[in-house]
Amino acid sequence: MHHGRTFTLTTDVPAVNIDRIVLVRPMAATHQTETEQRVIRLMSSVAGPNSISATMPNGWHPHGLAPAGYYMLFVLDTDNVPSVARFIELH
C-alpha cells in the first residue's frame, strides 16, 4: 500500500456495522520502551453493502504519523470487536 492512496475492503458483515479501520505498528521493544508502537485510525466511508473505502495516511515529511514499514490492518465493528489482522507494507 502507498501513502495517501485510497483502497476498498470487502467484509463479511454489512459495511454499516463497521466502526473504524486502524493500522497498528508491530512492537519491537528494547530496554522496556517501545517508541514505534502506534495505532492509526484511517479515514473511511461505506462504499457498498459489504465494502468500505479507506485512505492511507499521507507520506509527507516528516512521516511522523505513519512511517514506511509493516503494519497490521484491523477492521473494528460497532461492538469494538476487531477482525483478524492482515499484515500490509506501507511505502
PDB file of N, CA and C in Angstrom:
ATOM      1  N   MET A   1       0.846  -1.169   0.000  1.00  0.00           N
ATOM      2  CA  MET A   1       0.000   0.000   0.000  1.00  0.00           C
ATOM      3  C   MET A   1       0.896   1.237   0.000  1.00  0.00           C
ATOM      4  N   HIS A   2       0.385   2.300  -0.548  1.00  0.00           N
ATOM      5  CA  HIS A   2       1.162   3.536  -0.656  1.00  0.00           C
ATOM      6  C   HIS A   2       0.541   4.652   0.177  1.00  0.00           C
ATOM      7  N   HIS A   3       1.387   5.522   0.725  1.00  0.00           N
ATOM      8  CA  HIS A   3       0.918   6.683   1.479  1.00  0.00           C
ATOM      9  C   HIS A   3      -0.072   7.484   0.638  1.00  0.00           C
ATOM     10  N   GLY A   4      -1.169   7.919   1.263  1.00  0.00           N
ATOM     11  CA  GLY A   4      -2.134   8.791   0.614  1.00  0.00           C
ATOM     12  C   GLY A   4      -3.102   8.127  -0.339  1.00  0.00           C
ATOM     13  N   ARG A   5      -2.946   6.853  -0.607  1.00  0.00           N
ATOM     14  CA  ARG A   5      -3.817   6.169  -1.565  1.00  0.00           C
ATOM     15  C   ARG A   5      -5.083   5.651  -0.905  1.00  0.00           C
ATOM     16  N   THR A   6      -6.153   5.622  -1.679  1.00  0.00           N
ATOM     17  CA  THR A   6      -7.432   5.084  -1.209  1.00  0.00           C
ATOM     18  C   THR A   6      -7.570   3.658  -1.719  1.00  0.00           C
ATOM     19  N   PHE A   7      -8.139   2.784  -0.900  1.00  0.00           N
ATOM     20  CA  PHE A   7      -8.342   1.390  -1.271  1.00  0.00           C
ATOM     21  C   PHE A   7      -9.711   0.948  -0.768  1.00  0.00           C
ATOM     22  N   THR A   8     -10.193  -0.176  -1.248  1.00  0.00           N
ATOM     23  CA  THR A   8     -11.501  -0.696  -0.853  1.00  0.00           C
ATOM     24  C   THR A   8     -11.342  -2.069  -0.227  1.00  0.00           C
ATOM     25  N   LEU A   9     -12.021  -2.276   0.905  1.00  0.00           N
ATOM     26  CA  LEU A   9     -12.041  -3.560   1.614  1.00  0.00           C
ATOM     27  C   LEU A   9     -13.428  -4.165   1.485  1.00  0.00           C
ATOM     28  N   THR A  10     -13.497  -5.469   1.352  1.00  0.00           N
ATOM     29  CA  THR A  10     -14.788  -6.145   1.439  1.00  0.00           C
ATOM     30  C   THR A  10     -14.843  -6.880   2.771  1.00  0.00           C
ATOM     31  N   THR A  11     -16.039  -6.944   3.349  1.00  0.00           N
ATOM     32  CA  THR A  11     -16.206  -7.548   4.663  1.00  0.00           C
ATOM     33  C   THR A  11     -17.294  -8.605   4.635  1.00  0.00           C
ATOM     34  N   ASP A  12     -17.282  -9.478   5.649  1.00  0.00           N
ATOM     35  CA  ASP A  12     -18.327 -10.487   5.803  1.00  0.00           C
ATOM     36  C   ASP A  12     -19.560  -9.913   6.477  1.00  0.00           C
ATOM     37  N   VAL A  13     -19.415  -8.764   7.087  1.00  0.00           N
ATOM     38  CA  VAL A  13     -20.535  -8.124   7.781  1.00  0.00           C
ATOM     39  C   VAL A  13     -20.960  -6.888   6.995  1.00  0.00           C
ATOM     40  N   PRO A  14     -22.197  -6.435   7.183  1.00  0.00           N
ATOM     41  CA  PRO A  14     -22.625  -5.222   6.489  1.00  0.00           C
ATOM     42  C   PRO A  14     -21.715  -4.043   6.819  1.00  0.00           C
ATOM     43  N   ALA A  15     -21.358  -3.267   5.811  1.00  0.00           N
ATOM     44  CA  ALA A  15     -20.437  -2.149   5.988  1.00  0.00           C
ATOM     45  C   ALA A  15     -20.944  -1.133   7.007  1.00  0.00           C
ATOM     46  N   VAL A  16     -22.267  -1.012   7.160  1.00  0.00           N
ATOM     47  CA  VAL A  16     -22.805  -0.049   8.134  1.00  0.00           C
ATOM     48  C   VAL A  16     -22.504  -0.476   9.565  1.00  0.00           C
ATOM     49  N   ASN A  17     -22.107  -1.743   9.776  1.00  0.00           N
ATOM     50  CA  ASN A  17     -21.752  -2.227  11.112  1.00  0.00           C
ATOM     51  C   ASN A  17     -20.272  -2.057  11.425  1.00  0.00           C
ATOM     52  N   ILE A  18     -19.506  -1.485  10.500  1.00  0.00           N
ATOM     53  CA  ILE A  18     -18.078  -1.257  10.713  1.00  0.00           C
ATOM     54  C   ILE A  18     -17.897   0.128  11.328  1.00  0.00           C
ATOM     55  N   ASP A  19     -17.191   0.183  12.446  1.00  0.00           N
ATOM     56  CA  ASP A  19     -16.960   1.456  13.125  1.00  0.00           C
ATOM     57  C   ASP A  19     -15.699   2.149  12.637  1.00  0.00           C
ATOM     58  N   ARG A  20     -14.605   1.369  12.480  1.00  0.00           N
ATOM     59  CA  ARG A  20     -13.348   2.000  12.078  1.00  0.00           C
ATOM     60  C   ARG A  20     -12.360   0.981  11.529  1.00  0.00           C
ATOM     61  N   ILE A  21     -11.380   1.520  10.819  1.00  0.00           N
ATOM     62  CA  ILE A  21     -10.269   0.736  10.282  1.00  0.00           C
ATOM     63  C   ILE A  21      -9.006   1.358  10.854  1.00  0.00           C
ATOM     64  N   VAL A  22      -8.127   0.523  11.397  1.00  0.00           N
ATOM     65  CA  VAL A  22      -6.912   1.038  12.022  1.00  0.00           C
ATOM     66  C   VAL A  22      -5.679   0.282  11.543  1.00  0.00           C
ATOM     67  N   LEU A  23      -4.560   0.986  11.573  1.00  0.00           N
ATOM     68  CA  LEU A  23      -3.245   0.386  11.368  1.00  0.00           C
ATOM     69  C   LEU A  23      -2.576   0.307  12.726  1.00  0.00           C
ATOM     70  N   VAL A  24      -1.935  -0.818  13.023  1.00  0.00           N
ATOM     71  CA  VAL A  24      -1.208  -0.987  14.277  1.00  0.00           C
ATOM     72  C   VAL A  24       0.224  -1.362  13.914  1.00  0.00           C
ATOM     73  N   ARG A  25       1.153  -0.548  14.370  1.00  0.00           N
ATOM     74  CA  ARG A  25       2.568  -0.827  14.118  1.00  0.00           C
ATOM     75  C   ARG A  25       3.002  -1.949  15.054  1.00  0.00           C
ATOM     76  N   PRO A  26       3.590  -3.027  14.532  1.00  0.00           N
ATOM     77  CA  PRO A  26       4.027  -4.129  15.397  1.00  0.00           C
ATOM     78  C   PRO A  26       5.089  -3.664  16.392  1.00  0.00           C
ATOM     79  N   MET A  27       5.100  -4.318  17.538  1.00  0.00           N
ATOM     80  CA  MET A  27       6.066  -3.965  18.590  1.00  0.00           C
ATOM     81  C   MET A  27       7.468  -4.469  18.280  1.00  0.00           C
ATOM     82  N   ALA A  28       8.421  -3.730  18.745  1.00  0.00           N
ATOM     83  CA  ALA A  28       9.828  -4.135  18.696  1.00  0.00           C
ATOM     84  C   ALA A  28      10.495  -3.575  19.941  1.00  0.00           C
ATOM     85  N   ALA A  29      10.053  -4.037  21.084  1.00  0.00           N
ATOM     86  CA  ALA A  29      10.511  -3.460  22.356  1.00  0.00           C
ATOM     87  C   ALA A  29      11.980  -3.761  22.637  1.00  0.00           C
ATOM     88  N   THR A  30      12.665  -2.728  23.100  1.00  0.00           N
ATOM     89  CA  THR A  30      14.030  -2.880  23.595  1.00  0.00           C
ATOM     90  C   THR A  30      14.142  -2.038  24.848  1.00  0.00           C
ATOM     91  N   HIS A  31      14.777  -2.547  25.836  1.00  0.00           N
ATOM     92  CA  HIS A  31      15.005  -1.826  27.080  1.00  0.00           C
ATOM     93  C   HIS A  31      13.699  -1.302  27.691  1.00  0.00           C
ATOM     94  N   GLN A  32      12.636  -2.070  27.588  1.00  0.00           N
ATOM     95  CA  GLN A  32      11.339  -1.780  28.188  1.00  0.00           C
ATOM     96  C   GLN A  32      10.636  -0.562  27.602  1.00  0.00           C
ATOM     97  N   THR A  33      11.071  -0.062  26.474  1.00  0.00           N
ATOM     98  CA  THR A  33      10.436   1.091  25.848  1.00  0.00           C
ATOM     99  C   THR A  33      10.164   0.778  24.385  1.00  0.00           C
ATOM    100  N   GLU A  34       8.960   1.087  23.950  1.00  0.00           N
ATOM    101  CA  GLU A  34       8.596   0.879  22.543  1.00  0.00           C
ATOM    102  C   GLU A  34       8.185   2.214  21.953  1.00  0.00           C
ATOM    103  N   THR A  35       9.094   2.836  21.245  1.00  0.00           N
ATOM    104  CA  THR A  35       8.810   4.146  20.670  1.00  0.00           C
ATOM    105  C   THR A  35       8.138   4.055  19.308  1.00  0.00           C
ATOM    106  N   GLU A  36       8.086   2.891  18.718  1.00  0.00           N
ATOM    107  CA  GLU A  36       7.470   2.721  17.404  1.00  0.00           C
ATOM    108  C   GLU A  36       6.009   2.291  17.475  1.00  0.00           C
ATOM    109  N   GLN A  37       5.535   1.828  18.635  1.00  0.00           N
ATOM    110  CA  GLN A  37       4.160   1.350  18.755  1.00  0.00           C
ATOM    111  C   GLN A  37       3.195   2.494  18.492  1.00  0.00           C
ATOM    112  N   ARG A  38       2.193   2.262  17.641  1.00  0.00           N
ATOM    113  CA  ARG A  38       1.192   3.274  17.344  1.00  0.00           C
ATOM    114  C   ARG A  38      -0.057   2.625  16.774  1.00  0.00           C
ATOM    115  N   VAL A  39      -1.184   3.274  16.981  1.00  0.00           N
ATOM    116  CA  VAL A  39      -2.454   2.871  16.388  1.00  0.00           C
ATOM    117  C   VAL A  39      -2.955   4.076  15.612  1.00  0.00           C
ATOM    118  N   ILE A  40      -3.199   3.893  14.324  1.00  0.00           N
ATOM    119  CA  ILE A  40      -3.585   4.996  13.449  1.00  0.00           C
ATOM    120  C   ILE A  40      -4.946   4.699  12.839  1.00  0.00           C
ATOM    121  N   ARG A  41      -5.910   5.556  13.127  1.00  0.00           N
ATOM    122  CA  ARG A  41      -7.247   5.395  12.555  1.00  0.00           C
ATOM    123  C   ARG A  41      -7.258   5.972  11.145  1.00  0.00           C
ATOM    124  N   LEU A  42      -7.788   5.197  10.195  1.00  0.00           N
ATOM    125  CA  LEU A  42      -7.846   5.633   8.814  1.00  0.00           C
ATOM    126  C   LEU A  42      -9.171   6.320   8.522  1.00  0.00           C
ATOM    127  N   MET A  43      -9.152   7.286   7.630  1.00  0.00           N
ATOM    128  CA  MET A  43     -10.379   7.903   7.133  1.00  0.00           C
ATOM    129  C   MET A  43     -11.077   6.835   6.296  1.00  0.00           C
ATOM    130  N   SER A  44     -12.381   6.628   6.539  1.00  0.00           N
ATOM    131  CA  SER A  44     -13.091   5.592   5.796  1.00  0.00           C
ATOM    132  C   SER A  44     -14.550   5.975   5.600  1.00  0.00           C
ATOM    133  N   SER A  45     -15.183   5.314   4.624  1.00  0.00           N
ATOM    134  CA  SER A  45     -16.603   5.526   4.349  1.00  0.00           C
ATOM    135  C   SER A  45     -17.167   4.264   3.703  1.00  0.00           C
ATOM    136  N   VAL A  46     -18.478   4.108   3.812  1.00  0.00           N
ATOM    137  CA  VAL A  46     -19.159   2.958   3.212  1.00  0.00           C
ATOM    138  C   VAL A  46     -19.098   3.107   1.696  1.00  0.00           C
ATOM    139  N   ALA A  47     -18.657   2.052   1.018  1.00  0.00           N
ATOM    140  CA  ALA A  47     -18.553   2.072  -0.440  1.00  0.00           C
ATOM    141  C   ALA A  47     -19.605   1.176  -1.091  1.00  0.00           C
ATOM    142  N   GLY A  48     -20.202   0.276  -0.324  1.00  0.00           N
ATOM    143  CA  GLY A  48     -21.211  -0.649  -0.826  1.00  0.00           C
ATOM    144  C   GLY A  48     -21.771  -1.439   0.332  1.00  0.00           C
ATOM    145  N   PRO A  49     -22.684  -2.370   0.067  1.00  0.00           N
ATOM    146  CA  PRO A  49     -23.301  -3.133   1.154  1.00  0.00           C
ATOM    147  C   PRO A  49     -22.298  -3.857   2.046  1.00  0.00           C
ATOM    148  N   ASN A  50     -21.231  -4.386   1.468  1.00  0.00           N
ATOM    149  CA  ASN A  50     -20.207  -5.103   2.228  1.00  0.00           C
ATOM    150  C   ASN A  50     -18.810  -4.620   1.882  1.00  0.00           C
ATOM    151  N   SER A  51     -18.693  -3.334   1.573  1.00  0.00           N
ATOM    152  CA  SER A  51     -17.364  -2.806   1.247  1.00  0.00           C
ATOM    153  C   SER A  51     -17.171  -1.416   1.844  1.00  0.00           C
ATOM    154  N   ILE A  52     -15.921  -1.140   2.162  1.00  0.00           N
ATOM    155  CA  ILE A  52     -15.538   0.115   2.792  1.00  0.00           C
ATOM    156  C   ILE A  52     -14.358   0.691   2.026  1.00  0.00           C
ATOM    157  N   SER A  53     -14.395   1.987   1.801  1.00  0.00           N
ATOM    158  CA  SER A  53     -13.297   2.701   1.171  1.00  0.00           C
ATOM    159  C   SER A  53     -12.499   3.378   2.285  1.00  0.00           C
ATOM    160  N   ALA A  54     -11.183   3.240   2.255  1.00  0.00           N
ATOM    161  CA  ALA A  54     -10.320   3.840   3.281  1.00  0.00           C
ATOM    162  C   ALA A  54      -9.106   4.469   2.624  1.00  0.00           C
ATOM    163  N   THR A  55      -8.528   5.453   3.313  1.00  0.00           N
ATOM    164  CA  THR A  55      -7.370   6.165   2.777  1.00  0.00           C
ATOM    165  C   THR A  55      -6.200   6.053   3.743  1.00  0.00           C
ATOM    166  N   MET A  56      -5.051   5.667   3.205  1.00  0.00           N
ATOM    167  CA  MET A  56      -3.827   5.593   3.993  1.00  0.00           C
ATOM    168  C   MET A  56      -3.368   6.998   4.359  1.00  0.00           C
ATOM    169  N   PRO A  57      -2.674   7.153   5.499  1.00  0.00           N
ATOM    170  CA  PRO A  57      -2.127   8.468   5.851  1.00  0.00           C
ATOM    171  C   PRO A  57      -1.162   8.928   4.762  1.00  0.00           C
ATOM    172  N   ASN A  58      -1.052  10.259   4.597  1.00  0.00           N
ATOM    173  CA  ASN A  58      -0.136  10.748   3.567  1.00  0.00           C
ATOM    174  C   ASN A  58       1.305  10.492   3.981  1.00  0.00           C
ATOM    175  N   GLY A  59       2.192  10.595   3.039  1.00  0.00           N
ATOM    176  CA  GLY A  59       3.599  10.318   3.303  1.00  0.00           C
ATOM    177  C   GLY A  59       4.451  11.563   3.339  1.00  0.00           C
ATOM    178  N   TRP A  60       3.839  12.719   3.606  1.00  0.00           N
ATOM    179  CA  TRP A  60       4.600  13.961   3.615  1.00  0.00           C
ATOM    180  C   TRP A  60       5.601  13.995   4.746  1.00  0.00           C
ATOM    181  N   HIS A  61       6.625  14.767   4.562  1.00  0.00           N
ATOM    182  CA  HIS A  61       7.672  14.960   5.563  1.00  0.00           C
ATOM    183  C   HIS A  61       7.047  15.465   6.846  1.00  0.00           C
ATOM    184  N   PRO A  62       7.389  15.004   8.003  1.00  0.00           N
ATOM    185  CA  PRO A  62       8.478  14.083   8.293  1.00  0.00           C
ATOM    186  C   PRO A  62       8.028  12.635   8.477  1.00  0.00           C
ATOM    187  N   HIS A  63       6.881  12.235   7.961  1.00  0.00           N
ATOM    188  CA  HIS A  63       6.360  10.860   8.075  1.00  0.00           C
ATOM    189  C   HIS A  63       6.137  10.452   9.527  1.00  0.00           C
ATOM    190  N   GLY A  64       5.924  11.411  10.405  1.00  0.00           N
ATOM    191  CA  GLY A  64       5.787  11.129  11.830  1.00  0.00           C
ATOM    192  C   GLY A  64       4.590  10.268  12.185  1.00  0.00           C
ATOM    193  N   LEU A  65       3.472  10.460  11.489  1.00  0.00           N
ATOM    194  CA  LEU A  65       2.273   9.712  11.832  1.00  0.00           C
ATOM    195  C   LEU A  65       2.390   8.246  11.426  1.00  0.00           C
ATOM    196  N   ALA A  66       2.820   7.995  10.213  1.00  0.00           N
ATOM    197  CA  ALA A  66       2.892   6.623   9.708  1.00  0.00           C
ATOM    198  C   ALA A  66       4.143   6.436   8.856  1.00  0.00           C
ATOM    199  N   PRO A  67       5.284   6.181   9.495  1.00  0.00           N
ATOM    200  CA  PRO A  67       6.495   5.931   8.719  1.00  0.00           C
ATOM    201  C   PRO A  67       6.336   4.676   7.855  1.00  0.00           C
ATOM    202  N   ALA A  68       7.071   4.604   6.795  1.00  0.00           N
ATOM    203  CA  ALA A  68       7.042   3.413   5.939  1.00  0.00           C
ATOM    204  C   ALA A  68       7.416   2.188   6.763  1.00  0.00           C
ATOM    205  N   GLY A  69       6.828   1.061   6.411  1.00  0.00           N
ATOM    206  CA  GLY A  69       7.127  -0.178   7.116  1.00  0.00           C
ATOM    207  C   GLY A  69       5.915  -1.079   7.178  1.00  0.00           C
ATOM    208  N   TYR A  70       5.993  -2.084   8.022  1.00  0.00           N
ATOM    209  CA  TYR A  70       4.919  -3.062   8.159  1.00  0.00           C
ATOM    210  C   TYR A  70       3.940  -2.654   9.252  1.00  0.00           C
ATOM    211  N   TYR A  71       2.657  -2.906   8.976  1.00  0.00           N
ATOM    212  CA  TYR A  71       1.575  -2.615   9.909  1.00  0.00           C
ATOM    213  C   TYR A  71       0.576  -3.766   9.884  1.00  0.00           C
ATOM    214  N   MET A  72      -0.171  -3.885  10.969  1.00  0.00           N
ATOM    215  CA  MET A  72      -1.310  -4.797  10.997  1.00  0.00           C
ATOM    216  C   MET A  72      -2.552  -3.951  10.724  1.00  0.00           C
ATOM    217  N   LEU A  73      -3.389  -4.400   9.800  1.00  0.00           N
ATOM    218  CA  LEU A  73      -4.619  -3.699   9.450  1.00  0.00           C
ATOM    219  C   LEU A  73      -5.784  -4.416  10.114  1.00  0.00           C
ATOM    220  N   PHE A  74      -6.555  -3.687  10.928  1.00  0.00           N
ATOM    221  CA  PHE A  74      -7.723  -4.240  11.613  1.00  0.00           C
ATOM    222  C   PHE A  74      -8.972  -3.483  11.193  1.00  0.00           C
ATOM    223  N   VAL A  75     -10.082  -4.197  11.112  1.00  0.00           N
ATOM    224  CA  VAL A  75     -11.399  -3.603  10.950  1.00  0.00           C
ATOM    225  C   VAL A  75     -12.147  -3.879  12.247  1.00  0.00           C
ATOM    226  N   LEU A  76     -12.691  -2.840  12.870  1.00  0.00           N
ATOM    227  CA  LEU A  76     -13.434  -2.997  14.124  1.00  0.00           C
ATOM    228  C   LEU A  76     -14.902  -2.687  13.880  1.00  0.00           C
ATOM    229  N   ASP A  77     -15.775  -3.538  14.431  1.00  0.00           N
ATOM    230  CA  ASP A  77     -17.202  -3.308  14.252  1.00  0.00           C
ATOM    231  C   ASP A  77     -17.730  -2.365  15.339  1.00  0.00           C
ATOM    232  N   THR A  78     -19.023  -2.103  15.308  1.00  0.00           N
ATOM    233  CA  THR A  78     -19.623  -1.161  16.252  1.00  0.00           C
ATOM    234  C   THR A  78     -19.597  -1.668  17.690  1.00  0.00           C
ATOM    235  N   ASP A  79     -19.323  -2.960  17.909  1.00  0.00           N
ATOM    236  CA  ASP A  79     -19.159  -3.509  19.256  1.00  0.00           C
ATOM    237  C   ASP A  79     -17.690  -3.542  19.677  1.00  0.00           C
ATOM    238  N   ASN A  80     -16.806  -2.912  18.888  1.00  0.00           N
ATOM    239  CA  ASN A  80     -15.356  -2.865  19.118  1.00  0.00           C
ATOM    240  C   ASN A  80     -14.689  -4.231  19.011  1.00  0.00           C
ATOM    241  N   VAL A  81     -15.285  -5.135  18.247  1.00  0.00           N
ATOM    242  CA  VAL A  81     -14.690  -6.450  18.010  1.00  0.00           C
ATOM    243  C   VAL A  81     -13.784  -6.330  16.785  1.00  0.00           C
ATOM    244  N   PRO A  82     -12.487  -6.631  16.929  1.00  0.00           N
ATOM    245  CA  PRO A  82     -11.574  -6.499  15.796  1.00  0.00           C
ATOM    246  C   PRO A  82     -11.610  -7.724  14.879  1.00  0.00           C
ATOM    247  N   SER A  83     -11.256  -7.486  13.639  1.00  0.00           N
ATOM    248  CA  SER A  83     -11.077  -8.579  12.689  1.00  0.00           C
ATOM    249  C   SER A  83      -9.755  -9.269  12.968  1.00  0.00           C
ATOM    250  N   VAL A  84      -9.478 -10.321  12.244  1.00  0.00           N
ATOM    251  CA  VAL A  84      -8.143 -10.909  12.239  1.00  0.00           C
ATOM    252  C   VAL A  84      -7.249  -9.927  11.489  1.00  0.00           C
ATOM    253  N   ALA A  85      -6.068  -9.674  12.003  1.00  0.00           N
ATOM    254  CA  ALA A  85      -5.159  -8.699  11.378  1.00  0.00           C
ATOM    255  C   ALA A  85      -4.639  -9.211  10.044  1.00  0.00           C
ATOM    256  N   ARG A  86      -4.431  -8.282   9.146  1.00  0.00           N
ATOM    257  CA  ARG A  86      -3.739  -8.537   7.879  1.00  0.00           C
ATOM    258  C   ARG A  86      -2.497  -7.680   7.882  1.00  0.00           C
ATOM    259  N   PHE A  87      -1.343  -8.291   7.639  1.00  0.00           N
ATOM    260  CA  PHE A  87      -0.118  -7.510   7.561  1.00  0.00           C
ATOM    261  C   PHE A  87      -0.051  -6.832   6.190  1.00  0.00           C
ATOM    262  N   ILE A  88       0.292  -5.548   6.217  1.00  0.00           N
ATOM    263  CA  ILE A  88       0.479  -4.790   4.984  1.00  0.00           C
ATOM    264  C   ILE A  88       1.815  -4.064   5.087  1.00  0.00           C
ATOM    265  N   GLU A  89       2.360  -3.689   3.957  1.00  0.00           N
ATOM    266  CA  GLU A  89       3.560  -2.869   3.943  1.00  0.00           C
ATOM    267  C   GLU A  89       3.186  -1.502   3.401  1.00  0.00           C
ATOM    268  N   LEU A  90       3.460  -0.470   4.168  1.00  0.00           N
ATOM    269  CA  LEU A  90       3.173   0.904   3.774  1.00  0.00           C
ATOM    270  C   LEU A  90       4.450   1.514   3.240  1.00  0.00           C
ATOM    271  N   HIS A  91       4.381   2.068   2.030  1.00  0.00           N
ATOM    272  CA  HIS A  91       5.553   2.720   1.446  1.00  0.00           C
ATOM    273  C   HIS A  91       5.139   3.856   0.553  1.00  0.00           C
TER     274      HIS A  91
END
